[in-house]
Amino acid sequence: MSDLNRKYWGWGLSSYQLQKDSRLELRESLLGVTAKNRVNFSPPDLKNISLNPPRFDLPSDIDAICSSDTFERVRHTYGMSFRDLLRVFDNKFDLAPDYVAFPETESQILNIMRFCGRNSIALIPVGGGSSVVGGIEPRATSGPGSGQSQPGHYRGFISLNMIKFDKLLEVDKTSRCVHVQAGIYGPHLEALLRPHGYTLRHFPQSFEFSTLGGWIATRSGGHYATRFTHIDDFVQSVRVVTPSGIIETPRLPASGAGPDGARIFIGSEGTLGVITSAWMRVQERPKYRLSTVVRFPTFLKGAEAVRLISQSGVSPSNCRLIDAIEAAGMGLSDGSFAALILAFESAHIKNFSPIMESLLEMCKSCSGKWDAVQHKIGDSTPKVD
């Protein structure tokens, strides 16, 4: 995947746009915006965006892997929250990074890190840039063009884009683990695991445009979350570049002596170092599936059913309760009811019907209704490249 195909003004690829009729329909159904009261917005043209010049110079070896191109600086200014997108459309880019670095080796990362440390420059690791909590946004620079550091402030900052760390390094079939570089996007990772018969089975909502390193650094959670909820469950070991050097936590054997080294970096949000690779526990690709959608008159009724299911000790592969508005947006509802996606899957277990029936009885006790239960055999997961 090339970053050049990413939108600099919103979610997704620049080559993909909803048709006008679809956009109008979504505005009206989800936001209540009609033809009479809508305001038309257009993304800012790169030609009309004026950025402050970089506030510091780079040594030649670092400059060779950095860009001060307008597109790159704009694309790395904000994440993907609604607040971020409003500022983009308002043409506010005062917080654009001075440079965007694209390292290919750990020694290059360490070199940049030490340069920043010596010169009071902030270094912000960026995976897919899908943060909605300001994770890639600088908060303590000393103002446009100042070039001066102040107590608690930085002279400027560099965004460290990890897109070139995108390789599957090793497959350990005995332990059913894989060694993967941290800059790999979710779809690319699944595409590389598929020929080996494996899947990570971790699907956060940002899956298409987020990276393994980002999942680990933010302690992400996925949709298939009744058993393996957070990325923690899949991480066996991490390799991290820190200002003091490279740290690699042990894979095996597990130890009960003191804190788990990998857990120190999971959820660290890039504050302790830059994650460059990880050993991940993977699963066999599921072959047998059983699923249905249960309708509830209110979200609270659905929550009651989910509580009963979670306390029953049964772990369906998917047990996701969606409110009426989101369900309508996904095509699961007409907007009048909440929906529970309930599913089982396995590479070996063929018959989940008795377990599903017991969970549907719990749903029925909470006013849940459903139609057909779907049986599928084969690897029906869509191919992603």
Protein backbone atom coordinates (compact mmCIF):
# COMPACT_ATOMS: atom_id res chain seq x y z
CA MET A 1 0.00 0.00 0.00
CA SER A 2 1.33 3.42 -0.91
CA ASP A 3 0.80 6.36 1.42
CA LEU A 4 0.45 8.55 -1.66
CA ASN A 5 -2.96 7.01 -2.30
CA ARG A 6 -4.25 7.97 1.14
CA LYS A 7 -6.51 10.98 1.52
CA TYR A 8 -4.85 13.91 3.24
CA TRP A 9 -8.23 15.33 4.22
CA GLY A 10 -10.15 12.32 5.56
CA TRP A 11 -10.54 8.58 5.94
CA GLY A 12 -9.68 6.15 3.17
CA LEU A 13 -8.11 6.16 -0.27
CA SER A 14 -8.22 9.12 -2.61
CA SER A 15 -9.25 6.76 -5.42
CA TYR A 16 -12.46 5.75 -3.62
CA GLN A 17 -15.42 8.10 -3.18
CA LEU A 18 -19.07 7.54 -2.39
CA GLN A 19 -21.42 8.57 -5.15
CA LYS A 20 -23.25 11.87 -4.56
CA ASP A 21 -26.64 10.17 -4.02
CA SER A 22 -25.10 7.86 -1.39
CA ARG A 23 -23.52 10.80 0.42
CA LEU A 24 -26.81 12.69 0.52
CA GLU A 25 -28.65 9.60 1.78
CA LEU A 26 -26.13 9.09 4.60
CA ARG A 27 -26.27 12.75 5.60
CA GLU A 28 -30.02 12.66 5.89
CA SER A 29 -30.38 9.25 7.58
CA LEU A 30 -27.54 9.61 10.09
CA LEU A 31 -27.32 13.37 10.66
CA GLY A 32 -30.73 14.65 9.68
CA VAL A 33 -29.14 16.92 7.08
CA THR A 34 -31.52 17.53 4.17
CA ALA A 35 -31.16 19.36 0.88
CA LYS A 36 -32.63 22.48 2.53
CA ASN A 37 -30.25 22.76 5.47
CA ARG A 38 -27.04 21.16 4.28
CA VAL A 39 -23.77 23.08 3.97
CA ASN A 40 -21.41 22.01 1.21
CA PHE A 41 -17.80 21.38 2.19
CA SER A 42 -14.91 20.80 -0.18
CA PRO A 43 -11.53 19.40 0.87
CA PRO A 44 -8.72 21.98 0.85
CA ASP A 45 -6.60 22.06 -2.29
CA LEU A 46 -2.94 21.30 -1.56
CA LYS A 47 -1.99 24.22 -3.82
CA ASN A 48 -3.80 26.59 -1.47
CA ILE A 49 -2.32 25.25 1.78
CA SER A 50 0.49 27.40 3.13
CA LEU A 51 2.71 25.71 5.71
CA ASN A 52 5.31 27.29 7.96
CA PRO A 53 8.85 26.42 6.83
CA PRO A 54 10.73 23.79 8.90
CA ARG A 55 12.10 25.31 12.10
CA PHE A 56 15.42 23.46 12.03
CA ASP A 57 17.85 21.87 9.61
CA LEU A 58 18.73 18.19 9.37
CA PRO A 59 22.12 16.53 9.01
CA SER A 60 22.60 15.01 5.57
CA ASP A 61 22.20 11.36 6.63
CA ILE A 62 18.82 12.07 8.24
CA ASP A 63 17.71 14.50 5.56
CA ALA A 64 18.14 11.70 3.00
CA ILE A 65 15.23 9.73 4.51
CA CYS A 66 12.99 12.70 5.36
CA SER A 67 10.46 14.70 3.42
CA SER A 68 9.24 18.27 3.82
CA ASP A 69 6.76 17.83 0.98
CA THR A 70 3.44 19.59 1.54
CA PHE A 71 1.37 16.43 1.03
CA GLU A 72 3.37 14.45 3.59
CA ARG A 73 3.38 17.23 6.19
CA VAL A 74 -0.36 17.83 5.78
CA ARG A 75 -1.17 14.11 5.91
CA HIS A 76 0.77 13.73 9.16
CA THR A 77 -0.69 16.77 10.92
CA TYR A 78 -3.82 15.17 12.37
CA GLY A 79 -5.48 11.85 13.07
CA MET A 80 -9.00 10.88 12.03
CA SER A 81 -11.31 12.23 14.73
CA PHE A 82 -14.20 14.50 13.81
CA ARG A 83 -12.34 17.40 15.46
CA ASP A 84 -9.27 16.63 13.33
CA LEU A 85 -11.26 16.60 10.10
CA LEU A 86 -12.99 19.88 10.96
CA ARG A 87 -9.60 21.54 11.33
CA VAL A 88 -8.45 20.08 8.01
CA PHE A 89 -11.49 21.47 6.20
CA ASP A 90 -10.91 24.79 7.99
CA ASN A 91 -7.40 24.83 6.49
CA LYS A 92 -5.66 24.93 9.87
CA PHE A 93 -2.22 23.35 9.63
CA ASP A 94 -0.16 25.30 12.16
CA LEU A 95 0.76 22.00 13.80
CA ALA A 96 2.15 20.36 10.67
CA PRO A 97 5.36 18.42 11.35
CA ASP A 98 8.59 20.03 10.25
CA TYR A 99 9.62 16.81 8.51
CA VAL A 100 8.29 13.31 7.91
CA ALA A 101 10.88 10.53 8.20
CA PHE A 102 10.62 7.18 6.38
CA PRO A 103 13.27 4.93 7.96
CA GLU A 104 14.04 1.47 6.60
CA THR A 105 16.38 0.22 9.35
CA GLU A 106 16.54 0.27 13.13
CA SER A 107 19.90 2.08 13.00
CA GLN A 108 18.22 4.93 11.08
CA ILE A 109 15.51 5.17 13.75
CA LEU A 110 18.12 5.22 16.51
CA ASN A 111 20.07 7.91 14.66
CA ILE A 112 16.97 10.11 14.30
CA MET A 113 16.00 9.49 17.92
CA ARG A 114 19.39 10.59 19.23
CA PHE A 115 19.44 13.65 16.97
CA CYS A 116 16.06 14.69 18.33
CA GLY A 117 17.18 14.11 21.91
CA ARG A 118 20.25 16.32 21.48
CA ASN A 119 18.27 19.14 19.86
CA SER A 120 15.00 19.32 21.86
CA ILE A 121 12.96 18.01 18.95
CA ALA A 122 9.91 15.81 19.48
CA LEU A 123 9.73 12.52 17.59
CA ILE A 124 6.23 11.11 17.01
CA PRO A 125 5.91 7.53 15.68
CA VAL A 126 3.11 7.14 13.12
CA GLY A 127 1.58 3.89 11.91
CA GLY A 128 -1.59 4.31 9.87
CA GLY A 129 -2.45 7.72 11.32
CA SER A 130 -5.93 6.56 12.32
CA SER A 131 -5.78 7.92 15.88
CA VAL A 132 -8.95 9.66 17.12
CA VAL A 133 -7.44 10.89 20.41
CA GLY A 134 -4.68 13.20 19.16
CA GLY A 135 -2.05 10.47 19.25
CA ILE A 136 0.04 11.86 16.38
CA GLU A 137 -0.47 15.54 17.19
CA PRO A 138 2.23 17.66 18.93
CA ARG A 139 1.08 19.53 22.02
CA ALA A 140 4.25 21.19 23.29
CA THR A 141 6.08 23.07 20.54
CA SER A 142 7.19 26.63 21.05
CA GLY A 143 5.35 28.22 18.16
CA PRO A 144 5.69 28.55 14.39
CA GLY A 145 9.08 29.71 13.19
CA SER A 146 10.56 30.32 16.64
CA GLY A 147 13.30 27.71 16.44
CA GLN A 148 13.80 28.17 20.17
CA SER A 149 13.15 25.67 22.93
CA GLN A 150 11.46 26.64 26.14
CA PRO A 151 11.07 24.70 29.42
CA GLY A 152 8.72 21.80 28.71
CA HIS A 153 8.61 22.65 25.02
CA TYR A 154 10.27 21.49 21.80
CA ARG A 155 11.82 23.41 18.93
CA GLY A 156 9.72 21.41 16.49
CA PHE A 157 8.95 17.82 15.65
CA ILE A 158 9.46 14.99 13.21
CA SER A 159 6.81 12.44 12.31
CA LEU A 160 8.34 8.97 12.06
CA ASN A 161 6.36 7.00 9.47
CA MET A 162 6.91 3.23 9.83
CA ILE A 163 5.39 2.22 6.48
CA LYS A 164 8.64 0.64 5.21
CA PHE A 165 8.70 -1.84 8.11
CA ASP A 166 6.12 -4.06 6.42
CA LYS A 167 7.59 -7.56 6.14
CA LEU A 168 6.73 -11.00 7.47
CA LEU A 169 10.15 -12.05 8.77
CA GLU A 170 9.65 -15.60 10.01
CA VAL A 171 6.98 -18.26 10.52
CA ASP A 172 7.33 -20.69 13.45
CA LYS A 173 4.83 -23.45 12.67
CA THR A 174 5.77 -25.45 15.77
CA SER A 175 4.82 -22.63 18.15
CA ARG A 176 2.24 -21.21 15.70
CA CYS A 177 3.82 -17.78 15.92
CA VAL A 178 5.07 -15.30 13.34
CA HIS A 179 7.68 -12.56 13.45
CA VAL A 180 6.32 -9.44 11.75
CA GLN A 181 7.58 -5.90 11.27
CA ALA A 182 5.52 -3.24 13.01
CA GLY A 183 4.67 -0.96 10.09
CA ILE A 184 2.55 -3.53 8.28
CA TYR A 185 -1.09 -2.64 7.63
CA GLY A 186 -3.85 -5.03 8.72
CA PRO A 187 -4.93 -6.17 5.22
CA HIS A 188 -1.33 -6.73 4.12
CA LEU A 189 -0.60 -8.79 7.23
CA GLU A 190 -3.62 -11.03 6.61
CA ALA A 191 -2.62 -11.43 2.96
CA LEU A 192 0.87 -12.62 3.97
CA LEU A 193 -0.48 -15.03 6.59
CA ARG A 194 -3.09 -16.59 4.28
CA PRO A 195 -0.69 -18.82 2.26
CA HIS A 196 0.54 -20.32 5.54
CA GLY A 197 -3.04 -21.11 6.65
CA TYR A 198 -2.93 -18.57 9.47
CA THR A 199 -4.75 -15.43 10.58
CA LEU A 200 -4.09 -13.03 13.43
CA ARG A 201 -7.88 -12.62 13.80
CA HIS A 202 -7.55 -9.12 15.21
CA PHE A 203 -9.90 -6.67 13.53
CA PRO A 204 -10.18 -3.22 15.13
CA GLN A 205 -12.49 -0.79 13.34
CA SER A 206 -9.41 0.92 11.90
CA PHE A 207 -8.12 -2.44 10.54
CA GLU A 208 -7.83 -1.32 6.91
CA PHE A 209 -5.68 1.73 7.70
CA SER A 210 -3.84 0.87 10.90
CA THR A 211 -0.66 -1.07 11.60
CA LEU A 212 0.55 -3.85 13.87
CA GLY A 213 2.85 -1.45 15.72
CA GLY A 214 -0.04 0.96 16.23
CA TRP A 215 -2.22 -1.83 17.62
CA ILE A 216 0.47 -2.79 20.12
CA ALA A 217 1.39 0.79 21.10
CA THR A 218 -2.28 1.72 21.70
CA ARG A 219 -3.37 -1.65 23.15
CA SER A 220 -6.14 -1.96 20.60
CA GLY A 221 -9.23 -4.12 20.84
CA GLY A 222 -10.84 -6.07 18.02
CA HIS A 223 -14.34 -7.13 16.93
CA TYR A 224 -13.73 -10.83 17.61
CA ALA A 225 -13.49 -10.06 21.27
CA THR A 226 -15.22 -12.52 23.59
CA ARG A 227 -12.07 -14.55 24.09
CA PHE A 228 -9.16 -12.59 22.66
CA THR A 229 -10.16 -9.01 23.33
CA HIS A 230 -7.01 -6.90 23.21
CA ILE A 231 -3.84 -7.17 21.17
CA ASP A 232 -2.12 -8.28 24.42
CA ASP A 233 -3.52 -11.77 23.89
CA PHE A 234 -1.54 -12.18 20.67
CA VAL A 235 1.80 -10.56 21.56
CA GLN A 236 4.57 -12.96 22.50
CA SER A 237 7.55 -10.62 22.22
CA VAL A 238 8.38 -7.11 20.99
CA ARG A 239 11.49 -5.44 19.62
CA VAL A 240 11.80 -1.74 20.43
CA VAL A 241 14.27 1.01 19.55
CA THR A 242 14.84 3.29 22.56
CA PRO A 243 17.24 6.23 23.05
CA SER A 244 19.52 3.85 24.98
CA GLY A 245 19.54 1.16 22.31
CA ILE A 246 17.46 -1.78 21.15
CA ILE A 247 15.39 -3.88 23.53
CA GLU A 248 13.96 -7.27 22.58
CA THR A 249 11.75 -8.99 25.14
CA PRO A 250 12.13 -12.79 25.46
CA ARG A 251 9.78 -15.10 23.59
CA LEU A 252 10.00 -18.34 25.55
CA PRO A 253 9.97 -19.75 28.12
CA ALA A 254 7.46 -17.65 30.01
CA SER A 255 8.65 -16.43 33.40
CA GLY A 256 6.86 -15.64 36.64
CA ALA A 257 9.70 -13.46 37.88
CA GLY A 258 8.66 -9.82 37.87
CA PRO A 259 6.65 -7.90 35.27
CA ASP A 260 6.35 -9.22 31.73
CA GLY A 261 8.72 -7.13 29.59
CA ALA A 262 6.43 -7.04 26.56
CA ARG A 263 3.54 -5.73 28.66
CA ILE A 264 5.59 -2.65 29.54
CA PHE A 265 5.50 -1.56 25.89
CA ILE A 266 1.94 -2.65 25.07
CA GLY A 267 -0.18 0.48 25.39
CA SER A 268 2.85 2.74 25.90
CA GLU A 269 1.71 5.04 23.05
CA GLY A 270 5.25 5.51 21.73
CA THR A 271 6.50 7.12 24.95
CA LEU A 272 9.15 4.45 25.71
CA GLY A 273 10.46 3.80 22.22
CA VAL A 274 9.56 2.79 18.68
CA ILE A 275 8.25 -0.74 18.18
CA THR A 276 9.91 -2.20 15.07
CA SER A 277 8.73 -5.83 15.12
CA ALA A 278 6.89 -8.38 17.21
CA TRP A 279 6.43 -12.12 17.56
CA MET A 280 2.68 -12.72 17.35
CA ARG A 281 0.54 -15.74 18.22
CA VAL A 282 -1.62 -16.61 15.23
CA GLN A 283 -4.55 -18.96 14.67
CA GLU A 284 -5.50 -21.45 12.01
CA ARG A 285 -7.90 -19.97 9.51
CA PRO A 286 -11.47 -20.93 10.49
CA LYS A 287 -13.32 -23.34 8.25
CA TYR A 288 -16.66 -23.92 10.01
CA ARG A 289 -18.95 -21.00 10.86
CA LEU A 290 -22.35 -20.49 12.43
CA SER A 291 -23.87 -17.02 12.79
CA THR A 292 -27.04 -15.00 13.18
CA VAL A 293 -28.23 -11.49 13.99
CA VAL A 294 -30.51 -11.03 17.00
CA ARG A 295 -32.82 -8.01 17.15
CA PHE A 296 -33.64 -6.23 20.43
CA PRO A 297 -36.25 -3.50 20.98
CA THR A 298 -33.74 -1.44 22.98
CA PHE A 299 -29.99 -1.37 23.44
CA LEU A 300 -30.40 -2.07 27.17
CA LYS A 301 -32.29 -5.29 26.42
CA GLY A 302 -29.41 -6.32 24.18
CA ALA A 303 -26.93 -5.46 26.92
CA GLU A 304 -28.84 -7.76 29.30
CA ALA A 305 -28.47 -10.62 26.82
CA VAL A 306 -24.75 -9.93 26.36
CA ARG A 307 -24.29 -10.01 30.14
CA LEU A 308 -26.00 -13.39 30.35
CA ILE A 309 -23.86 -14.75 27.51
CA SER A 310 -20.58 -13.44 28.92
CA GLN A 311 -21.36 -14.84 32.37
CA SER A 312 -22.34 -18.24 30.98
CA GLY A 313 -18.73 -19.23 30.35
CA VAL A 314 -19.38 -19.72 26.63
CA SER A 315 -17.08 -17.78 24.30
CA PRO A 316 -18.61 -17.16 20.88
CA SER A 317 -16.13 -15.87 18.30
CA ASN A 318 -18.27 -12.78 17.82
CA CYS A 319 -20.73 -11.23 20.25
CA ARG A 320 -21.09 -7.63 19.18
CA LEU A 321 -24.00 -5.45 20.23
CA ILE A 322 -24.69 -2.51 17.91
CA ASP A 323 -27.06 0.37 18.65
CA ALA A 324 -29.93 1.14 16.30
CA ILE A 325 -28.21 4.02 14.49
CA GLU A 326 -24.99 2.13 13.75
CA ALA A 327 -26.95 -0.99 12.82
CA ALA A 328 -28.88 1.04 10.27
CA GLY A 329 -25.64 2.40 8.84
CA MET A 330 -24.35 -1.17 8.48
CA GLY A 331 -27.51 -2.36 6.77
CA LEU A 332 -28.49 -4.64 9.68
CA SER A 333 -31.49 -2.62 10.82
CA ASP A 334 -34.03 -0.08 9.67
CA GLY A 335 -33.06 2.04 12.66
CA SER A 336 -35.84 0.79 14.95
CA PHE A 337 -33.88 -1.87 16.88
CA ALA A 338 -30.44 -2.74 18.24
CA ALA A 339 -28.65 -5.72 16.71
CA LEU A 340 -26.44 -8.40 18.23
CA ILE A 341 -24.05 -10.19 15.88
CA LEU A 342 -23.60 -13.67 17.34
CA ALA A 343 -21.21 -16.18 15.75
CA PHE A 344 -19.03 -19.21 16.27
CA GLU A 345 -16.15 -20.38 14.12
CA SER A 346 -13.39 -22.97 14.20
CA ALA A 347 -10.82 -24.71 12.05
CA HIS A 348 -11.88 -28.09 13.49
CA ILE A 349 -15.20 -28.03 15.38
CA LYS A 350 -18.02 -28.65 12.91
CA ASN A 351 -21.21 -28.43 14.97
CA PHE A 352 -21.95 -25.36 17.09
CA SER A 353 -25.74 -25.69 16.86
CA PRO A 354 -26.41 -26.90 20.46
CA ILE A 355 -24.31 -24.07 21.93
CA MET A 356 -25.91 -21.50 19.66
CA GLU A 357 -29.38 -22.68 20.65
CA SER A 358 -28.61 -22.20 24.34
CA LEU A 359 -27.36 -18.64 23.73
CA LEU A 360 -30.41 -17.80 21.63
CA GLU A 361 -32.62 -18.90 24.53
CA MET A 362 -30.81 -16.33 26.68
CA CYS A 363 -31.47 -13.72 24.00
CA LYS A 364 -35.13 -14.74 23.85
CA SER A 365 -35.46 -14.16 27.60
CA CYS A 366 -34.39 -10.55 26.91
CA SER A 367 -36.95 -9.98 24.13
CA GLY A 368 -34.53 -10.93 21.38
CA LYS A 369 -35.75 -12.15 17.98
CA TRP A 370 -33.87 -13.63 15.06
CA ASP A 371 -34.41 -15.19 11.66
CA ALA A 372 -32.23 -17.86 10.09
CA VAL A 373 -28.98 -19.17 11.55
CA GLN A 374 -26.36 -19.31 8.80
CA HIS A 375 -24.00 -22.27 8.39
CA LYS A 376 -20.85 -21.80 6.32
CA ILE A 377 -18.05 -24.19 5.44
CA GLY A 378 -14.75 -23.06 3.96
CA ASP A 379 -12.46 -20.09 4.31
CA SER A 380 -14.96 -17.39 3.44
CA THR A 381 -12.84 -14.55 4.80
CA PRO A 382 -12.46 -12.01 1.96
CA LYS A 383 -9.02 -11.85 0.42
CA VAL A 384 -7.23 -8.58 1.13
CA ASP A 385 -4.11 -7.40 -0.64
